[in-house]
Amino acid sequence: MSIGERYRTGETSMATAYYEWDGYIDGTRTPQPTAEEKKIKLEKYETFPPINSCDKGAYWKMTSYA
């Protein structure tokens, strides 16, 4: 796992890190996630979540290690 690498809903995080929403798996970027959903922290072995406010799978980009 490296900074800037992209992951998708359902994959497992292999590092404790911060991630930022980077679009939806279906190729769209709307509707925008809520502010609370745009940035997440995952612990090692946690699963990347969907965007619950619109029930869509998402891409996540690592921004930094925690």
PDB file of N, CA and C in Angstrom:
ATOM      1  N   MET A   1       0.841  -1.176   0.000  1.00  0.00           N
ATOM      2  CA  MET A   1       0.000   0.000   0.000  1.00  0.00           C
ATOM      3  C   MET A   1       0.886   1.238   0.000  1.00  0.00           C
ATOM      4  N   SER A   2       0.518   2.173  -0.835  1.00  0.00           N
ATOM      5  CA  SER A   2       1.308   3.401  -0.889  1.00  0.00           C
ATOM      6  C   SER A   2       0.393   4.616  -1.025  1.00  0.00           C
ATOM      7  N   ILE A   3       0.901   5.772  -0.633  1.00  0.00           N
ATOM      8  CA  ILE A   3       0.158   7.020  -0.725  1.00  0.00           C
ATOM      9  C   ILE A   3      -0.259   7.226  -2.183  1.00  0.00           C
ATOM     10  N   GLY A   4      -1.525   7.579  -2.387  1.00  0.00           N
ATOM     11  CA  GLY A   4      -2.038   7.807  -3.733  1.00  0.00           C
ATOM     12  C   GLY A   4      -2.627   6.569  -4.389  1.00  0.00           C
ATOM     13  N   GLU A   5      -2.382   5.396  -3.825  1.00  0.00           N
ATOM     14  CA  GLU A   5      -2.926   4.166  -4.391  1.00  0.00           C
ATOM     15  C   GLU A   5      -4.443   4.154  -4.204  1.00  0.00           C
ATOM     16  N   ARG A   6      -5.134   3.520  -5.163  1.00  0.00           N
ATOM     17  CA  ARG A   6      -6.596   3.528  -5.185  1.00  0.00           C
ATOM     18  C   ARG A   6      -7.145   2.156  -4.816  1.00  0.00           C
ATOM     19  N   TYR A   7      -8.215   2.161  -4.033  1.00  0.00           N
ATOM     20  CA  TYR A   7      -8.866   0.928  -3.578  1.00  0.00           C
ATOM     21  C   TYR A   7     -10.365   1.070  -3.797  1.00  0.00           C
ATOM     22  N   ARG A   8     -11.094  -0.024  -3.686  1.00  0.00           N
ATOM     23  CA  ARG A   8     -12.530   0.038  -3.927  1.00  0.00           C
ATOM     24  C   ARG A   8     -13.310  -0.619  -2.801  1.00  0.00           C
ATOM     25  N   THR A   9     -14.578  -0.244  -2.701  1.00  0.00           N
ATOM     26  CA  THR A   9     -15.477  -0.823  -1.717  1.00  0.00           C
ATOM     27  C   THR A   9     -15.374  -2.346  -1.753  1.00  0.00           C
ATOM     28  N   GLY A  10     -15.264  -2.949  -0.570  1.00  0.00           N
ATOM     29  CA  GLY A  10     -15.192  -4.407  -0.465  1.00  0.00           C
ATOM     30  C   GLY A  10     -13.785  -4.945  -0.321  1.00  0.00           C
ATOM     31  N   GLU A  11     -12.773  -4.173  -0.741  1.00  0.00           N
ATOM     32  CA  GLU A  11     -11.387  -4.607  -0.565  1.00  0.00           C
ATOM     33  C   GLU A  11     -10.977  -4.408   0.889  1.00  0.00           C
ATOM     34  N   THR A  12      -9.887  -5.058   1.282  1.00  0.00           N
ATOM     35  CA  THR A  12      -9.380  -4.982   2.645  1.00  0.00           C
ATOM     36  C   THR A  12      -8.184  -4.052   2.709  1.00  0.00           C
ATOM     37  N   SER A  13      -8.200  -3.175   3.708  1.00  0.00           N
ATOM     38  CA  SER A  13      -7.071  -2.272   3.932  1.00  0.00           C
ATOM     39  C   SER A  13      -5.920  -3.066   4.545  1.00  0.00           C
ATOM     40  N   MET A  14      -4.757  -2.936   3.981  1.00  0.00           N
ATOM     41  CA  MET A  14      -3.591  -3.643   4.498  1.00  0.00           C
ATOM     42  C   MET A  14      -2.701  -2.735   5.343  1.00  0.00           C
ATOM     43  N   ALA A  15      -3.197  -1.528   5.659  1.00  0.00           N
ATOM     44  CA  ALA A  15      -2.449  -0.596   6.508  1.00  0.00           C
ATOM     45  C   ALA A  15      -3.437   0.290   7.254  1.00  0.00           C
ATOM     46  N   THR A  16      -3.073   0.712   8.449  1.00  0.00           N
ATOM     47  CA  THR A  16      -3.858   1.708   9.156  1.00  0.00           C
ATOM     48  C   THR A  16      -3.512   3.048   8.530  1.00  0.00           C
ATOM     49  N   ALA A  17      -4.532   3.680   7.915  1.00  0.00           N
ATOM     50  CA  ALA A  17      -4.261   4.889   7.144  1.00  0.00           C
ATOM     51  C   ALA A  17      -5.525   5.710   6.959  1.00  0.00           C
ATOM     52  N   TYR A  18      -5.330   6.922   6.411  1.00  0.00           N
ATOM     53  CA  TYR A  18      -6.430   7.806   6.049  1.00  0.00           C
ATOM     54  C   TYR A  18      -6.660   7.686   4.545  1.00  0.00           C
ATOM     55  N   TYR A  19      -7.934   7.725   4.159  1.00  0.00           N
ATOM     56  CA  TYR A  19      -8.327   7.578   2.764  1.00  0.00           C
ATOM     57  C   TYR A  19      -9.346   8.644   2.415  1.00  0.00           C
ATOM     58  N   GLU A  20      -9.352   9.019   1.139  1.00  0.00           N
ATOM     59  CA  GLU A  20     -10.260  10.033   0.646  1.00  0.00           C
ATOM     60  C   GLU A  20     -11.085   9.448  -0.492  1.00  0.00           C
ATOM     61  N   TRP A  21     -12.377   9.787  -0.521  1.00  0.00           N
ATOM     62  CA  TRP A  21     -13.265   9.356  -1.594  1.00  0.00           C
ATOM     63  C   TRP A  21     -12.699   9.807  -2.940  1.00  0.00           C
ATOM     64  N   ASP A  22     -12.735   8.913  -3.942  1.00  0.00           N
ATOM     65  CA  ASP A  22     -12.148   9.215  -5.252  1.00  0.00           C
ATOM     66  C   ASP A  22     -13.073   8.798  -6.386  1.00  0.00           C
ATOM     67  N   GLY A  23     -14.380   8.918  -6.181  1.00  0.00           N
ATOM     68  CA  GLY A  23     -15.352   8.595  -7.220  1.00  0.00           C
ATOM     69  C   GLY A  23     -16.091   7.303  -6.909  1.00  0.00           C
ATOM     70  N   TYR A  24     -17.104   7.049  -7.726  1.00  0.00           N
ATOM     71  CA  TYR A  24     -17.913   5.846  -7.559  1.00  0.00           C
ATOM     72  C   TYR A  24     -17.478   4.765  -8.532  1.00  0.00           C
ATOM     73  N   ILE A  25     -17.691   3.527  -8.156  1.00  0.00           N
ATOM     74  CA  ILE A  25     -17.300   2.390  -8.993  1.00  0.00           C
ATOM     75  C   ILE A  25     -18.041   2.398 -10.327  1.00  0.00           C
ATOM     76  N   ASP A  26     -19.256   2.956 -10.353  1.00  0.00           N
ATOM     77  CA  ASP A  26     -20.021   3.004 -11.606  1.00  0.00           C
ATOM     78  C   ASP A  26     -19.553   4.116 -12.548  1.00  0.00           C
ATOM     79  N   GLY A  27     -18.487   4.837 -12.163  1.00  0.00           N
ATOM     80  CA  GLY A  27     -17.916   5.864 -13.034  1.00  0.00           C
ATOM     81  C   GLY A  27     -18.475   7.267 -12.823  1.00  0.00           C
ATOM     82  N   THR A  28     -19.469   7.395 -11.957  1.00  0.00           N
ATOM     83  CA  THR A  28     -20.053   8.713 -11.716  1.00  0.00           C
ATOM     84  C   THR A  28     -19.357   9.406 -10.547  1.00  0.00           C
ATOM     85  N   ARG A  29     -19.655  10.689 -10.381  1.00  0.00           N
ATOM     86  CA  ARG A  29     -19.130  11.450  -9.244  1.00  0.00           C
ATOM     87  C   ARG A  29     -20.259  12.169  -8.506  1.00  0.00           C
ATOM     88  N   THR A  30     -21.511  11.839  -8.858  1.00  0.00           N
ATOM     89  CA  THR A  30     -22.662  12.439  -8.191  1.00  0.00           C
ATOM     90  C   THR A  30     -23.616  11.346  -7.759  1.00  0.00           C
ATOM     91  N   PRO A  31     -24.381  11.554  -6.707  1.00  0.00           N
ATOM     92  CA  PRO A  31     -24.329  12.713  -5.814  1.00  0.00           C
ATOM     93  C   PRO A  31     -23.068  12.688  -4.967  1.00  0.00           C
ATOM     94  N   GLN A  32     -22.618  13.846  -4.562  1.00  0.00           N
ATOM     95  CA  GLN A  32     -21.424  13.945  -3.718  1.00  0.00           C
ATOM     96  C   GLN A  32     -21.691  13.307  -2.361  1.00  0.00           C
ATOM     97  N   PRO A  33     -20.700  12.602  -1.803  1.00  0.00           N
ATOM     98  CA  PRO A  33     -20.849  12.082  -0.444  1.00  0.00           C
ATOM     99  C   PRO A  33     -20.950  13.229   0.558  1.00  0.00           C
ATOM    100  N   THR A  34     -21.463  12.942   1.736  1.00  0.00           N
ATOM    101  CA  THR A  34     -21.476  13.955   2.790  1.00  0.00           C
ATOM    102  C   THR A  34     -20.035  14.257   3.200  1.00  0.00           C
ATOM    103  N   ALA A  35     -19.834  15.365   3.875  1.00  0.00           N
ATOM    104  CA  ALA A  35     -18.487  15.748   4.324  1.00  0.00           C
ATOM    105  C   ALA A  35     -17.873  14.661   5.206  1.00  0.00           C
ATOM    106  N   GLU A  36     -18.689  14.035   6.045  1.00  0.00           N
ATOM    107  CA  GLU A  36     -18.197  12.990   6.946  1.00  0.00           C
ATOM    108  C   GLU A  36     -17.795  11.721   6.189  1.00  0.00           C
ATOM    109  N   GLU A  37     -18.405  11.502   5.031  1.00  0.00           N
ATOM    110  CA  GLU A  37     -18.114  10.300   4.245  1.00  0.00           C
ATOM    111  C   GLU A  37     -16.900  10.457   3.336  1.00  0.00           C
ATOM    112  N   LYS A  38     -16.496  11.675   3.036  1.00  0.00           N
ATOM    113  CA  LYS A  38     -15.421  11.906   2.062  1.00  0.00           C
ATOM    114  C   LYS A  38     -14.042  11.475   2.543  1.00  0.00           C
ATOM    115  N   LYS A  39     -13.804  11.535   3.846  1.00  0.00           N
ATOM    116  CA  LYS A  39     -12.498  11.161   4.397  1.00  0.00           C
ATOM    117  C   LYS A  39     -12.714  10.175   5.516  1.00  0.00           C
ATOM    118  N   ILE A  40     -11.967   9.069   5.464  1.00  0.00           N
ATOM    119  CA  ILE A  40     -12.127   8.021   6.473  1.00  0.00           C
ATOM    120  C   ILE A  40     -10.761   7.555   6.961  1.00  0.00           C
ATOM    121  N   LYS A  41     -10.773   6.955   8.122  1.00  0.00           N
ATOM    122  CA  LYS A  41      -9.580   6.285   8.643  1.00  0.00           C
ATOM    123  C   LYS A  41      -9.949   4.812   8.784  1.00  0.00           C
ATOM    124  N   LEU A  42      -9.124   3.941   8.225  1.00  0.00           N
ATOM    125  CA  LEU A  42      -9.335   2.511   8.376  1.00  0.00           C
ATOM    126  C   LEU A  42      -8.150   1.901   9.110  1.00  0.00           C
ATOM    127  N   GLU A  43      -8.453   0.949   9.958  1.00  0.00           N
ATOM    128  CA  GLU A  43      -7.421   0.154  10.614  1.00  0.00           C
ATOM    129  C   GLU A  43      -7.028  -0.974   9.665  1.00  0.00           C
ATOM    130  N   LYS A  44      -5.851  -1.523   9.879  1.00  0.00           N
ATOM    131  CA  LYS A  44      -5.391  -2.654   9.084  1.00  0.00           C
ATOM    132  C   LYS A  44      -6.433  -3.768   9.146  1.00  0.00           C
ATOM    133  N   TYR A  45      -6.750  -4.354   8.010  1.00  0.00           N
ATOM    134  CA  TYR A  45      -7.706  -5.457   7.820  1.00  0.00           C
ATOM    135  C   TYR A  45      -9.171  -5.036   7.841  1.00  0.00           C
ATOM    136  N   GLU A  46      -9.472  -3.741   7.955  1.00  0.00           N
ATOM    137  CA  GLU A  46     -10.864  -3.305   7.821  1.00  0.00           C
ATOM    138  C   GLU A  46     -11.229  -3.277   6.340  1.00  0.00           C
ATOM    139  N   THR A  47     -12.529  -3.340   6.065  1.00  0.00           N
ATOM    140  CA  THR A  47     -13.031  -3.356   4.690  1.00  0.00           C
ATOM    141  C   THR A  47     -13.407  -1.946   4.248  1.00  0.00           C
ATOM    142  N   PHE A  48     -13.030  -1.593   3.004  1.00  0.00           N
ATOM    143  CA  PHE A  48     -13.404  -0.291   2.455  1.00  0.00           C
ATOM    144  C   PHE A  48     -14.922  -0.242   2.302  1.00  0.00           C
ATOM    145  N   PRO A  49     -15.548   0.823   2.827  1.00  0.00           N
ATOM    146  CA  PRO A  49     -17.012   0.898   2.842  1.00  0.00           C
ATOM    147  C   PRO A  49     -17.604   1.500   1.567  1.00  0.00           C
ATOM    148  N   PRO A  50     -18.917   1.310   1.394  1.00  0.00           N
ATOM    149  CA  PRO A  50     -19.632   2.060   0.354  1.00  0.00           C
ATOM    150  C   PRO A  50     -19.950   3.456   0.895  1.00  0.00           C
ATOM    151  N   ILE A  51     -20.512   4.292   0.048  1.00  0.00           N
ATOM    152  CA  ILE A  51     -21.026   5.584   0.484  1.00  0.00           C
ATOM    153  C   ILE A  51     -22.490   5.344   0.865  1.00  0.00           C
ATOM    154  N   ASN A  52     -22.751   5.325   2.149  1.00  0.00           N
ATOM    155  CA  ASN A  52     -24.079   4.963   2.643  1.00  0.00           C
ATOM    156  C   ASN A  52     -25.177   5.947   2.274  1.00  0.00           C
ATOM    157  N   SER A  53     -24.855   7.234   2.144  1.00  0.00           N
ATOM    158  CA  SER A  53     -25.891   8.230   1.866  1.00  0.00           C
ATOM    159  C   SER A  53     -26.555   8.017   0.506  1.00  0.00           C
ATOM    160  N   CYS A  54     -25.868   7.330  -0.405  1.00  0.00           N
ATOM    161  CA  CYS A  54     -26.475   7.057  -1.714  1.00  0.00           C
ATOM    162  C   CYS A  54     -26.383   5.580  -2.082  1.00  0.00           C
ATOM    163  N   ASP A  55     -25.866   4.750  -1.164  1.00  0.00           N
ATOM    164  CA  ASP A  55     -25.788   3.305  -1.363  1.00  0.00           C
ATOM    165  C   ASP A  55     -25.033   2.935  -2.644  1.00  0.00           C
ATOM    166  N   LYS A  56     -23.832   3.525  -2.813  1.00  0.00           N
ATOM    167  CA  LYS A  56     -23.013   3.247  -3.992  1.00  0.00           C
ATOM    168  C   LYS A  56     -21.611   2.802  -3.567  1.00  0.00           C
ATOM    169  N   GLY A  57     -21.042   1.880  -4.341  1.00  0.00           N
ATOM    170  CA  GLY A  57     -19.668   1.482  -4.140  1.00  0.00           C
ATOM    171  C   GLY A  57     -18.740   2.622  -4.529  1.00  0.00           C
ATOM    172  N   ALA A  58     -17.595   2.717  -3.854  1.00  0.00           N
ATOM    173  CA  ALA A  58     -16.711   3.858  -4.056  1.00  0.00           C
ATOM    174  C   ALA A  58     -15.266   3.440  -4.255  1.00  0.00           C
ATOM    175  N   TYR A  59     -14.511   4.344  -4.870  1.00  0.00           N
ATOM    176  CA  TYR A  59     -13.060   4.238  -4.907  1.00  0.00           C
ATOM    177  C   TYR A  59     -12.518   5.093  -3.777  1.00  0.00           C
ATOM    178  N   TRP A  60     -11.447   4.622  -3.154  1.00  0.00           N
ATOM    179  CA  TRP A  60     -10.793   5.323  -2.055  1.00  0.00           C
ATOM    180  C   TRP A  60      -9.314   5.469  -2.377  1.00  0.00           C
ATOM    181  N   LYS A  61      -8.762   6.645  -2.107  1.00  0.00           N
ATOM    182  CA  LYS A  61      -7.343   6.914  -2.363  1.00  0.00           C
ATOM    183  C   LYS A  61      -6.658   7.159  -1.028  1.00  0.00           C
ATOM    184  N   MET A  62      -5.535   6.461  -0.794  1.00  0.00           N
ATOM    185  CA  MET A  62      -4.780   6.657   0.440  1.00  0.00           C
ATOM    186  C   MET A  62      -4.136   8.038   0.421  1.00  0.00           C
ATOM    187  N   THR A  63      -4.337   8.776   1.546  1.00  0.00           N
ATOM    188  CA  THR A  63      -3.741  10.109   1.632  1.00  0.00           C
ATOM    189  C   THR A  63      -2.575  10.167   2.605  1.00  0.00           C
ATOM    190  N   SER A  64      -2.596   9.321   3.661  1.00  0.00           N
ATOM    191  CA  SER A  64      -1.472   9.280   4.588  1.00  0.00           C
ATOM    192  C   SER A  64      -1.627   8.082   5.523  1.00  0.00           C
ATOM    193  N   TYR A  65      -0.497   7.673   6.097  1.00  0.00           N
ATOM    194  CA  TYR A  65      -0.534   6.625   7.111  1.00  0.00           C
ATOM    195  C   TYR A  65      -0.954   7.235   8.433  1.00  0.00           C
ATOM    196  N   ALA A  66      -1.674   6.458   9.223  1.00  0.00           N
ATOM    197  CA  ALA A  66      -2.138   6.960  10.528  1.00  0.00           C
ATOM    198  C   ALA A  66      -1.099   6.678  11.600  1.00  0.00           C
TER     199      ALA A  66
END
